[in-house]
N, C-alpha and C. Protein backbone atom coordinates (compact mmCIF):
# COMPACT_ATOMS: atom_id res chain seq x y z
N MET A 1 -8.76 106.43 -72.94
CA MET A 1 -9.14 105.42 -71.97
C MET A 1 -9.78 106.15 -70.78
N THR A 2 -10.81 105.55 -70.27
CA THR A 2 -11.45 106.09 -69.07
C THR A 2 -11.33 105.06 -67.96
N LEU A 3 -11.19 105.56 -66.75
CA LEU A 3 -11.08 104.69 -65.58
C LEU A 3 -12.10 105.15 -64.54
N PRO A 4 -12.59 104.20 -63.74
CA PRO A 4 -13.45 104.60 -62.62
C PRO A 4 -12.67 105.54 -61.68
N VAL A 5 -13.35 106.49 -61.11
CA VAL A 5 -12.71 107.50 -60.27
C VAL A 5 -11.91 106.87 -59.14
N ASP A 6 -12.47 105.86 -58.49
CA ASP A 6 -11.76 105.22 -57.36
C ASP A 6 -10.43 104.62 -57.80
N LEU A 7 -10.42 103.95 -58.95
CA LEU A 7 -9.18 103.36 -59.44
C LEU A 7 -8.16 104.43 -59.82
N LEU A 8 -8.64 105.50 -60.42
CA LEU A 8 -7.75 106.59 -60.81
C LEU A 8 -7.11 107.23 -59.58
N LYS A 9 -7.91 107.46 -58.56
CA LYS A 9 -7.38 108.04 -57.32
C LYS A 9 -6.36 107.12 -56.67
N GLN A 10 -6.65 105.82 -56.68
CA GLN A 10 -5.71 104.86 -56.10
C GLN A 10 -4.40 104.86 -56.89
N ALA A 11 -4.49 104.90 -58.20
CA ALA A 11 -3.29 104.94 -59.04
C ALA A 11 -2.50 106.23 -58.80
N GLN A 12 -3.20 107.33 -58.62
CA GLN A 12 -2.53 108.60 -58.35
C GLN A 12 -1.78 108.55 -57.02
N ARG A 13 -2.40 107.96 -56.00
CA ARG A 13 -1.73 107.82 -54.70
C ARG A 13 -0.46 106.98 -54.83
N ILE A 14 -0.56 105.88 -55.56
CA ILE A 14 0.61 105.01 -55.76
C ILE A 14 1.71 105.78 -56.50
N ALA A 15 1.32 106.51 -57.54
CA ALA A 15 2.30 107.27 -58.32
C ALA A 15 3.00 108.30 -57.44
N ARG A 16 2.25 109.02 -56.62
CA ARG A 16 2.87 110.01 -55.72
C ARG A 16 3.80 109.34 -54.72
N ARG A 17 3.36 108.23 -54.16
CA ARG A 17 4.16 107.52 -53.17
C ARG A 17 5.47 107.03 -53.77
N ARG A 18 5.41 106.56 -55.01
CA ARG A 18 6.61 106.01 -55.68
C ARG A 18 7.38 107.07 -56.45
N ASP A 19 6.85 108.28 -56.50
CA ASP A 19 7.46 109.39 -57.23
C ASP A 19 7.67 109.05 -58.70
N VAL A 20 6.62 108.53 -59.32
CA VAL A 20 6.61 108.24 -60.75
C VAL A 20 5.35 108.87 -61.34
N ASN A 21 5.29 108.93 -62.67
CA ASN A 21 4.08 109.53 -63.24
C ASN A 21 2.95 108.51 -63.28
N LEU A 22 1.76 109.03 -63.43
CA LEU A 22 0.55 108.22 -63.38
C LEU A 22 0.53 107.16 -64.48
N SER A 23 1.00 107.51 -65.68
CA SER A 23 0.96 106.54 -66.78
C SER A 23 1.85 105.34 -66.50
N THR A 24 2.93 105.53 -65.74
CA THR A 24 3.79 104.40 -65.36
C THR A 24 3.03 103.41 -64.49
N VAL A 25 2.32 103.92 -63.51
CA VAL A 25 1.55 103.06 -62.60
C VAL A 25 0.46 102.33 -63.37
N ILE A 26 -0.24 103.05 -64.23
CA ILE A 26 -1.31 102.42 -65.00
C ILE A 26 -0.76 101.38 -65.96
N ALA A 27 0.36 101.69 -66.63
CA ALA A 27 0.97 100.72 -67.55
C ALA A 27 1.39 99.46 -66.81
N GLU A 28 1.99 99.62 -65.63
CA GLU A 28 2.39 98.45 -64.84
C GLU A 28 1.18 97.62 -64.43
N ALA A 29 0.11 98.29 -64.03
CA ALA A 29 -1.10 97.56 -63.61
C ALA A 29 -1.71 96.80 -64.78
N VAL A 30 -1.78 97.44 -65.94
CA VAL A 30 -2.33 96.78 -67.12
C VAL A 30 -1.45 95.61 -67.53
N SER A 31 -0.14 95.83 -67.51
CA SER A 31 0.79 94.76 -67.87
C SER A 31 0.65 93.55 -66.95
N GLU A 32 0.56 93.80 -65.67
CA GLU A 32 0.40 92.70 -64.70
C GLU A 32 -0.93 92.00 -64.92
N GLY A 33 -1.98 92.76 -65.16
CA GLY A 33 -3.28 92.16 -65.42
C GLY A 33 -3.28 91.27 -66.65
N LEU A 34 -2.60 91.73 -67.70
CA LEU A 34 -2.50 90.93 -68.92
C LEU A 34 -1.67 89.67 -68.70
N ARG A 35 -0.62 89.79 -67.88
CA ARG A 35 0.22 88.61 -67.57
C ARG A 35 -0.61 87.57 -66.82
N VAL A 36 -1.36 88.01 -65.83
CA VAL A 36 -2.20 87.10 -65.05
C VAL A 36 -3.27 86.48 -65.95
N TYR A 37 -3.86 87.28 -66.82
CA TYR A 37 -4.88 86.78 -67.74
C TYR A 37 -4.31 85.68 -68.64
N ALA A 38 -3.12 85.93 -69.19
CA ALA A 38 -2.48 84.94 -70.07
C ALA A 38 -2.15 83.66 -69.31
N ALA A 39 -1.65 83.81 -68.09
CA ALA A 39 -1.32 82.63 -67.28
C ALA A 39 -2.58 81.83 -66.96
N THR A 40 -3.67 82.51 -66.67
CA THR A 40 -4.94 81.84 -66.39
C THR A 40 -5.41 81.06 -67.61
N LYS A 41 -5.31 81.68 -68.78
CA LYS A 41 -5.74 81.01 -70.02
C LYS A 41 -4.89 79.77 -70.27
N ARG A 42 -3.57 79.88 -70.06
CA ARG A 42 -2.69 78.71 -70.26
C ARG A 42 -3.07 77.60 -69.29
N SER A 43 -3.34 77.94 -68.05
CA SER A 43 -3.74 76.94 -67.05
C SER A 43 -5.03 76.25 -67.46
N GLU A 44 -5.98 77.03 -67.94
CA GLU A 44 -7.25 76.45 -68.39
C GLU A 44 -7.03 75.51 -69.57
N GLU A 45 -6.15 75.88 -70.49
CA GLU A 45 -5.87 75.03 -71.64
C GLU A 45 -5.23 73.71 -71.20
N VAL A 46 -4.30 73.77 -70.26
CA VAL A 46 -3.66 72.56 -69.76
C VAL A 46 -4.69 71.67 -69.07
N PHE A 47 -5.51 72.28 -68.21
CA PHE A 47 -6.54 71.54 -67.50
C PHE A 47 -7.49 70.86 -68.49
N ASN A 48 -7.95 71.61 -69.48
CA ASN A 48 -8.86 71.04 -70.48
C ASN A 48 -8.19 69.93 -71.29
N GLY A 49 -6.90 70.08 -71.56
CA GLY A 49 -6.17 69.02 -72.26
C GLY A 49 -6.11 67.74 -71.46
N TYR A 50 -5.83 67.86 -70.15
CA TYR A 50 -5.82 66.68 -69.30
C TYR A 50 -7.21 66.06 -69.20
N ARG A 51 -8.21 66.90 -69.03
CA ARG A 51 -9.57 66.38 -68.92
C ARG A 51 -9.96 65.62 -70.19
N LYS A 52 -9.62 66.18 -71.34
CA LYS A 52 -9.95 65.52 -72.61
C LYS A 52 -9.18 64.21 -72.75
N ALA A 53 -7.90 64.21 -72.36
CA ALA A 53 -7.08 63.01 -72.49
C ALA A 53 -7.54 61.89 -71.56
N LEU A 54 -8.10 62.26 -70.40
CA LEU A 54 -8.47 61.26 -69.41
C LEU A 54 -9.94 60.85 -69.48
N THR A 55 -10.71 61.48 -70.34
CA THR A 55 -12.11 61.12 -70.49
C THR A 55 -12.22 59.68 -70.99
N GLY A 56 -13.09 58.94 -70.39
CA GLY A 56 -13.32 57.57 -70.83
C GLY A 56 -12.65 56.52 -69.96
N PHE A 57 -11.73 56.92 -69.09
CA PHE A 57 -11.11 55.93 -68.20
C PHE A 57 -12.10 55.57 -67.09
N SER A 58 -12.07 54.30 -66.71
CA SER A 58 -12.93 53.86 -65.60
C SER A 58 -12.35 54.38 -64.28
N LYS A 59 -13.12 54.20 -63.22
CA LYS A 59 -12.67 54.61 -61.89
C LYS A 59 -11.39 53.86 -61.49
N ASP A 60 -11.34 52.55 -61.78
CA ASP A 60 -10.15 51.76 -61.46
C ASP A 60 -8.95 52.21 -62.28
N GLU A 61 -9.17 52.49 -63.56
CA GLU A 61 -8.07 52.96 -64.42
C GLU A 61 -7.54 54.31 -63.94
N MET A 62 -8.46 55.17 -63.52
CA MET A 62 -8.03 56.47 -63.00
C MET A 62 -7.23 56.31 -61.71
N ALA A 63 -7.63 55.38 -60.86
CA ALA A 63 -6.90 55.14 -59.63
C ALA A 63 -5.49 54.65 -59.94
N ILE A 64 -5.35 53.81 -60.94
CA ILE A 64 -4.02 53.33 -61.35
C ILE A 64 -3.19 54.50 -61.87
N LEU A 65 -3.79 55.34 -62.70
CA LEU A 65 -3.08 56.50 -63.22
C LEU A 65 -2.67 57.45 -62.10
N ASP A 66 -3.51 57.55 -61.07
CA ASP A 66 -3.20 58.41 -59.93
C ASP A 66 -2.18 57.79 -58.99
N GLY A 67 -1.90 56.50 -59.17
CA GLY A 67 -0.92 55.82 -58.32
C GLY A 67 -1.52 55.26 -57.05
N VAL A 68 -2.82 55.09 -57.02
CA VAL A 68 -3.48 54.54 -55.84
C VAL A 68 -3.45 53.02 -55.93
N ILE A 69 -3.05 52.39 -54.85
CA ILE A 69 -3.02 50.94 -54.80
C ILE A 69 -4.40 50.46 -54.38
N LEU A 70 -5.03 49.66 -55.24
CA LEU A 70 -6.39 49.20 -54.97
C LEU A 70 -6.43 47.94 -54.12
N GLU A 71 -5.35 47.18 -54.13
CA GLU A 71 -5.35 45.90 -53.38
C GLU A 71 -4.07 45.83 -52.55
N LEU A 72 -4.17 45.08 -51.47
CA LEU A 72 -2.97 44.83 -50.68
C LEU A 72 -2.08 43.87 -51.46
N PRO A 73 -0.78 44.01 -51.34
CA PRO A 73 0.10 43.06 -52.04
C PRO A 73 -0.07 41.65 -51.50
N ALA A 74 0.08 40.68 -52.36
CA ALA A 74 -0.05 39.27 -51.95
C ALA A 74 1.08 38.91 -50.98
N ARG A 75 0.72 38.07 -49.97
CA ARG A 75 1.75 37.61 -49.02
C ARG A 75 2.57 36.53 -49.64
N ARG A 76 3.82 36.47 -49.30
CA ARG A 76 4.72 35.44 -49.83
C ARG A 76 4.82 34.28 -48.92
């Protein structure tokens, strides 16, 4: 694996500061990046699922689904 020099230097500084080896810092960074990537993909899938499920509703139907009251209640 190759890394840009700036990132490698930053990882080395973190490793020295934490008194751990460089591979630990890099493994943690990659692991966190993969976790964030997976969470982003799940969010996109949920969003796309909602968008697909709600396609075709009119503006009034969407307002009802959103809980927006379109008319004042009738007086008694």
